[in-house]
Amino acid sequence: YQRRVRGEMQTEEADDATEADHVKMRGRKRKLFLGAILVLALYLGIGAMVFCFGEDWEFHEGLYYIVATLTTTGYGDFHPTKDATKGFAVFFIFIGIGMIGYALGIVGSFIMEQQEEMMKEFIKQAQESQHVPPEPPIWKAVAKPVLQIMFMLFLGTLVHHVIEGNNFITSLYWATVTCSS
């Protein structure tokens, strides 16, 4: 397929190659994203297992300790008591905080790029239709993130209540402490 641009003939192959490169790059980023999630899950799982066997904890207790420690929340209710697991924790924490930062950077970048792609498509469609949607009122712009935060607090409160058996206000307190850390 050829087209004339400013008096010159151009082929669509150049556009196809660019699109093919774009698709290939998107595939690589998706693999990197999934790889980061897998490495993160494996790292957390291995750490939880080490503390399960080293401290005689249940798996969920080991995972809880790992997540609370690596997210730097650190409630202090679980901590290693044996020298071997304390030594392991030192290296695991330093390596883990870096790994989590790197993995979350990849995940965040992937999500932002997906949002950017959606926005570009939205703008393209709006330009093609010559219809620009009105800007939403400010209350809608504020309500969405507030509702998202409230949902996450509710979910954290519910999970804490089910696992720990505490009352609503205690569970809400710990969910808030976790979200704000």
C-alpha atoms as a PDB file:
ATOM      1  CA  TYR A   1       0.000   0.000   0.000  1.00  0.00           C
ATOM      2  CA  GLN A   2       1.387   3.372  -1.036  1.00  0.00           C
ATOM      3  CA  ARG A   3       0.256   6.907  -0.332  1.00  0.00           C
ATOM      4  CA  ARG A   4       1.313  10.347  -1.478  1.00  0.00           C
ATOM      5  CA  VAL A   5       2.578  12.752   1.210  1.00  0.00           C
ATOM      6  CA  ARG A   6       3.758  16.241   0.113  1.00  0.00           C
ATOM      7  CA  GLY A   7       4.282  15.014  -3.389  1.00  0.00           C
ATOM      8  CA  GLU A   8       6.318  11.928  -2.363  1.00  0.00           C
ATOM      9  CA  MET A   9       5.241   8.321  -2.454  1.00  0.00           C
ATOM     10  CA  GLN A  10       5.526   6.493   0.857  1.00  0.00           C
ATOM     11  CA  THR A  11       4.701   2.934   1.703  1.00  0.00           C
ATOM     12  CA  GLU A  12       2.733   1.722   4.703  1.00  0.00           C
ATOM     13  CA  GLU A  13       5.474  -0.797   5.505  1.00  0.00           C
ATOM     14  CA  ALA A  14       7.259   1.813   7.612  1.00  0.00           C
ATOM     15  CA  ASP A  15       4.132   2.312   9.713  1.00  0.00           C
ATOM     16  CA  ASP A  16       3.683  -1.461   9.973  1.00  0.00           C
ATOM     17  CA  ALA A  17       7.297  -1.888  11.142  1.00  0.00           C
ATOM     18  CA  THR A  18       6.799   0.785  13.766  1.00  0.00           C
ATOM     19  CA  GLU A  19       3.591  -0.883  14.926  1.00  0.00           C
ATOM     20  CA  ALA A  20       5.318  -4.283  14.978  1.00  0.00           C
ATOM     21  CA  ASP A  21       8.145  -2.827  17.083  1.00  0.00           C
ATOM     22  CA  HIS A  22       5.561  -1.268  19.387  1.00  0.00           C
ATOM     23  CA  VAL A  23       3.765  -4.599  19.817  1.00  0.00           C
ATOM     24  CA  LYS A  24       7.068  -6.390  20.445  1.00  0.00           C
ATOM     25  CA  MET A  25       8.078  -3.789  23.051  1.00  0.00           C
ATOM     26  CA  ARG A  26       4.681  -4.082  24.740  1.00  0.00           C
ATOM     27  CA  GLY A  27       5.169  -7.874  24.889  1.00  0.00           C
ATOM     28  CA  ARG A  28       8.589  -7.447  26.489  1.00  0.00           C
ATOM     29  CA  LYS A  29       7.199  -5.047  29.064  1.00  0.00           C
ATOM     30  CA  ARG A  30       4.359  -7.437  29.858  1.00  0.00           C
ATOM     31  CA  LYS A  31       6.895 -10.258  30.365  1.00  0.00           C
ATOM     32  CA  LEU A  32       8.993  -7.984  32.580  1.00  0.00           C
ATOM     33  CA  PHE A  33       5.869  -7.078  34.563  1.00  0.00           C
ATOM     34  CA  LEU A  34       4.874 -10.725  35.029  1.00  0.00           C
ATOM     35  CA  GLY A  35       8.481 -11.634  35.854  1.00  0.00           C
ATOM     36  CA  ALA A  36       8.597  -8.946  38.543  1.00  0.00           C
ATOM     37  CA  ILE A  37       5.366 -10.239  40.072  1.00  0.00           C
ATOM     38  CA  LEU A  38       6.680 -13.824  39.983  1.00  0.00           C
ATOM     39  CA  VAL A  39      10.043 -12.899  41.549  1.00  0.00           C
ATOM     40  CA  LEU A  40       8.268 -10.907  44.240  1.00  0.00           C
ATOM     41  CA  ALA A  41       5.890 -13.786  45.034  1.00  0.00           C
ATOM     42  CA  LEU A  42       8.748 -16.288  45.135  1.00  0.00           C
ATOM     43  CA  TYR A  43      10.853 -14.043  47.357  1.00  0.00           C
ATOM     44  CA  LEU A  44       7.991 -13.536  49.798  1.00  0.00           C
ATOM     45  CA  GLY A  45       7.139 -17.248  49.753  1.00  0.00           C
ATOM     46  CA  ILE A  46      10.722 -18.358  50.350  1.00  0.00           C
ATOM     47  CA  GLY A  47      11.123 -15.876  53.186  1.00  0.00           C
ATOM     48  CA  ALA A  48       7.863 -16.988  54.778  1.00  0.00           C
ATOM     49  CA  MET A  49       8.944 -20.637  54.551  1.00  0.00           C
ATOM     50  CA  VAL A  50      12.323 -19.925  56.162  1.00  0.00           C
ATOM     51  CA  PHE A  51      10.593 -18.271  59.106  1.00  0.00           C
ATOM     52  CA  CYS A  52       7.998 -21.048  59.274  1.00  0.00           C
ATOM     53  CA  PHE A  53      10.667 -23.676  59.743  1.00  0.00           C
ATOM     54  CA  GLY A  54      13.212 -21.536  61.596  1.00  0.00           C
ATOM     55  CA  GLU A  55      10.788 -20.043  64.105  1.00  0.00           C
ATOM     56  CA  ASP A  56       8.065 -22.722  64.113  1.00  0.00           C
ATOM     57  CA  TRP A  57       5.515 -20.239  62.780  1.00  0.00           C
ATOM     58  CA  GLU A  58       2.526 -20.945  60.577  1.00  0.00           C
ATOM     59  CA  PHE A  59       2.970 -19.947  56.913  1.00  0.00           C
ATOM     60  CA  HIS A  60       0.604 -16.970  57.224  1.00  0.00           C
ATOM     61  CA  GLU A  61       2.567 -15.736  60.256  1.00  0.00           C
ATOM     62  CA  GLY A  62       5.839 -15.920  58.331  1.00  0.00           C
ATOM     63  CA  LEU A  63       4.276 -14.159  55.356  1.00  0.00           C
ATOM     64  CA  TYR A  64       2.756 -11.531  57.642  1.00  0.00           C
ATOM     65  CA  TYR A  65       6.158 -10.871  59.231  1.00  0.00           C
ATOM     66  CA  ILE A  66       7.874 -10.646  55.836  1.00  0.00           C
ATOM     67  CA  VAL A  67       5.297  -8.249  54.373  1.00  0.00           C
ATOM     68  CA  ALA A  68       5.148  -6.071  57.500  1.00  0.00           C
ATOM     69  CA  THR A  69       8.948  -5.899  57.628  1.00  0.00           C
ATOM     70  CA  LEU A  70       9.660  -5.365  53.931  1.00  0.00           C
ATOM     71  CA  THR A  71       7.004  -2.677  53.605  1.00  0.00           C
ATOM     72  CA  THR A  72       8.734  -1.030  56.598  1.00  0.00           C
ATOM     73  CA  THR A  73       5.489  -1.119  58.588  1.00  0.00           C
ATOM     74  CA  GLY A  74       7.057  -3.335  61.256  1.00  0.00           C
ATOM     75  CA  TYR A  75       4.434  -3.727  63.963  1.00  0.00           C
ATOM     76  CA  GLY A  76       6.840  -5.652  66.172  1.00  0.00           C
ATOM     77  CA  ASP A  77       4.334  -8.306  67.172  1.00  0.00           C
ATOM     78  CA  PHE A  78       6.359 -10.942  65.277  1.00  0.00           C
ATOM     79  CA  HIS A  79      10.122 -10.990  65.293  1.00  0.00           C
ATOM     80  CA  PRO A  80      12.820 -13.637  65.005  1.00  0.00           C
ATOM     81  CA  THR A  81      13.951 -15.110  68.300  1.00  0.00           C
ATOM     82  CA  LYS A  82      16.717 -17.432  67.106  1.00  0.00           C
ATOM     83  CA  ASP A  83      20.161 -16.258  66.018  1.00  0.00           C
ATOM     84  CA  ALA A  84      19.977 -18.120  62.693  1.00  0.00           C
ATOM     85  CA  THR A  85      16.711 -16.482  61.664  1.00  0.00           C
ATOM     86  CA  LYS A  86      17.864 -13.090  62.932  1.00  0.00           C
ATOM     87  CA  GLY A  87      20.956 -13.372  60.726  1.00  0.00           C
ATOM     88  CA  PHE A  88      18.836 -14.482  57.799  1.00  0.00           C
ATOM     89  CA  ALA A  89      16.471 -11.562  58.417  1.00  0.00           C
ATOM     90  CA  VAL A  90      19.283  -9.000  58.192  1.00  0.00           C
ATOM     91  CA  PHE A  91      20.280 -10.086  54.697  1.00  0.00           C
ATOM     92  CA  PHE A  92      16.738 -10.872  53.609  1.00  0.00           C
ATOM     93  CA  ILE A  93      15.478  -7.419  54.606  1.00  0.00           C
ATOM     94  CA  PHE A  94      18.253  -5.448  52.906  1.00  0.00           C
ATOM     95  CA  ILE A  95      17.985  -7.449  49.701  1.00  0.00           C
ATOM     96  CA  GLY A  96      14.187  -7.551  49.912  1.00  0.00           C
ATOM     97  CA  ILE A  97      13.605  -3.825  50.304  1.00  0.00           C
ATOM     98  CA  GLY A  98      15.668  -3.216  47.166  1.00  0.00           C
ATOM     99  CA  MET A  99      13.905  -6.009  45.289  1.00  0.00           C
ATOM    100  CA  ILE A 100      10.478  -4.772  46.305  1.00  0.00           C
ATOM    101  CA  GLY A 101      11.376  -1.227  45.291  1.00  0.00           C
ATOM    102  CA  TYR A 102      12.615  -2.418  41.911  1.00  0.00           C
ATOM    103  CA  ALA A 103       9.659  -4.763  41.347  1.00  0.00           C
ATOM    104  CA  LEU A 104       7.122  -2.130  42.360  1.00  0.00           C
ATOM    105  CA  GLY A 105       8.847   0.333  40.050  1.00  0.00           C
ATOM    106  CA  ILE A 106       8.384  -2.113  37.161  1.00  0.00           C
ATOM    107  CA  VAL A 107       4.766  -2.758  38.112  1.00  0.00           C
ATOM    108  CA  GLY A 108       4.036   0.957  38.520  1.00  0.00           C
ATOM    109  CA  SER A 109       5.710   1.782  35.228  1.00  0.00           C
ATOM    110  CA  PHE A 110       3.723  -0.921  33.441  1.00  0.00           C
ATOM    111  CA  ILE A 111       0.448   0.341  34.899  1.00  0.00           C
ATOM    112  CA  MET A 112       1.280   3.956  34.029  1.00  0.00           C
ATOM    113  CA  GLU A 113       2.147   2.981  30.456  1.00  0.00           C
ATOM    114  CA  GLN A 114      -1.160   1.118  30.146  1.00  0.00           C
ATOM    115  CA  GLN A 115      -2.957   4.221  31.382  1.00  0.00           C
ATOM    116  CA  GLU A 116      -1.005   6.354  28.919  1.00  0.00           C
ATOM    117  CA  GLU A 117      -1.960   4.036  26.041  1.00  0.00           C
ATOM    118  CA  MET A 118      -5.605   4.247  27.035  1.00  0.00           C
ATOM    119  CA  MET A 119      -5.396   8.035  27.237  1.00  0.00           C
ATOM    120  CA  LYS A 120      -3.759   8.276  23.797  1.00  0.00           C
ATOM    121  CA  GLU A 121      -6.501   6.099  22.341  1.00  0.00           C
ATOM    122  CA  PHE A 122      -9.139   8.216  24.059  1.00  0.00           C
ATOM    123  CA  ILE A 123      -7.622  11.440  22.689  1.00  0.00           C
ATOM    124  CA  LYS A 124      -7.351   9.926  19.209  1.00  0.00           C
ATOM    125  CA  GLN A 125     -10.997   8.886  19.253  1.00  0.00           C
ATOM    126  CA  ALA A 126     -12.049  12.284  20.589  1.00  0.00           C
ATOM    127  CA  GLN A 127     -10.094  14.067  17.844  1.00  0.00           C
ATOM    128  CA  GLU A 128     -11.540  11.823  15.159  1.00  0.00           C
ATOM    129  CA  SER A 129     -15.082  12.424  16.351  1.00  0.00           C
ATOM    130  CA  GLN A 130     -14.431  16.124  17.034  1.00  0.00           C
ATOM    131  CA  HIS A 131     -16.104  15.621  20.385  1.00  0.00           C
ATOM    132  CA  VAL A 132     -14.210  16.650  23.467  1.00  0.00           C
ATOM    133  CA  PRO A 133     -15.945  15.491  26.638  1.00  0.00           C
ATOM    134  CA  PRO A 134     -16.535  18.115  29.294  1.00  0.00           C
ATOM    135  CA  GLU A 135     -14.187  18.201  32.246  1.00  0.00           C
ATOM    136  CA  PRO A 136     -15.719  16.392  35.224  1.00  0.00           C
ATOM    137  CA  PRO A 137     -16.695  18.465  38.251  1.00  0.00           C
ATOM    138  CA  ILE A 138     -14.089  18.724  40.999  1.00  0.00           C
ATOM    139  CA  TRP A 139     -16.112  16.612  43.425  1.00  0.00           C
ATOM    140  CA  LYS A 140     -15.867  13.654  41.039  1.00  0.00           C
ATOM    141  CA  ALA A 141     -12.095  14.082  40.760  1.00  0.00           C
ATOM    142  CA  VAL A 142     -11.821  14.058  44.562  1.00  0.00           C
ATOM    143  CA  ALA A 143     -14.469  11.405  45.243  1.00  0.00           C
ATOM    144  CA  LYS A 144     -12.807   8.627  43.249  1.00  0.00           C
ATOM    145  CA  PRO A 145      -9.483   8.491  45.152  1.00  0.00           C
ATOM    146  CA  VAL A 146     -11.271   9.018  48.476  1.00  0.00           C
ATOM    147  CA  LEU A 147     -13.593   6.098  47.730  1.00  0.00           C
ATOM    148  CA  GLN A 148     -10.610   3.970  46.688  1.00  0.00           C
ATOM    149  CA  ILE A 149      -8.846   4.722  49.981  1.00  0.00           C
ATOM    150  CA  MET A 150     -12.012   3.991  51.939  1.00  0.00           C
ATOM    151  CA  PHE A 151     -12.409   0.688  50.077  1.00  0.00           C
ATOM    152  CA  MET A 152      -8.825  -0.326  50.841  1.00  0.00           C
ATOM    153  CA  LEU A 153      -9.285   0.615  54.509  1.00  0.00           C
ATOM    154  CA  PHE A 154     -12.510  -1.386  54.649  1.00  0.00           C
ATOM    155  CA  LEU A 155     -10.847  -4.377  52.985  1.00  0.00           C
ATOM    156  CA  GLY A 156      -7.865  -4.175  55.373  1.00  0.00           C
ATOM    157  CA  THR A 157     -10.225  -3.822  58.332  1.00  0.00           C
ATOM    158  CA  LEU A 158     -12.223  -6.852  57.229  1.00  0.00           C
ATOM    159  CA  VAL A 159      -9.112  -8.984  56.673  1.00  0.00           C
ATOM    160  CA  HIS A 160      -7.680  -7.961  60.059  1.00  0.00           C
ATOM    161  CA  HIS A 161     -10.984  -8.639  61.803  1.00  0.00           C
ATOM    162  CA  VAL A 162     -11.293 -12.110  60.245  1.00  0.00           C
ATOM    163  CA  ILE A 163      -7.673 -13.122  60.878  1.00  0.00           C
ATOM    164  CA  GLU A 164      -7.099 -11.497  64.275  1.00  0.00           C
ATOM    165  CA  GLY A 165     -10.658 -11.486  65.624  1.00  0.00           C
ATOM    166  CA  ASN A 166     -10.418  -7.910  66.931  1.00  0.00           C
ATOM    167  CA  ASN A 167     -13.341  -5.518  67.082  1.00  0.00           C
ATOM    168  CA  PHE A 168     -14.088  -3.066  64.263  1.00  0.00           C
ATOM    169  CA  ILE A 169     -12.274  -0.024  65.673  1.00  0.00           C
ATOM    170  CA  THR A 170      -9.109  -1.988  66.497  1.00  0.00           C
ATOM    171  CA  SER A 171      -9.099  -3.554  63.042  1.00  0.00           C
ATOM    172  CA  LEU A 172      -9.712  -0.145  61.430  1.00  0.00           C
ATOM    173  CA  TYR A 173      -6.847   1.322  63.466  1.00  0.00           C
ATOM    174  CA  TRP A 174      -4.377  -1.333  62.286  1.00  0.00           C
ATOM    175  CA  ALA A 175      -5.594  -1.067  58.678  1.00  0.00           C
ATOM    176  CA  THR A 176      -5.053   2.699  58.848  1.00  0.00           C
ATOM    177  CA  VAL A 177      -1.588   2.304  60.362  1.00  0.00           C
ATOM    178  CA  THR A 178      -0.712  -0.126  57.576  1.00  0.00           C
ATOM    179  CA  CYS A 179      -2.034   2.104  54.773  1.00  0.00           C
ATOM    180  CA  SER A 180      -0.296   5.175  56.137  1.00  0.00           C
ATOM    181  CA  SER A 181       3.118   3.547  56.573  1.00  0.00           C
END
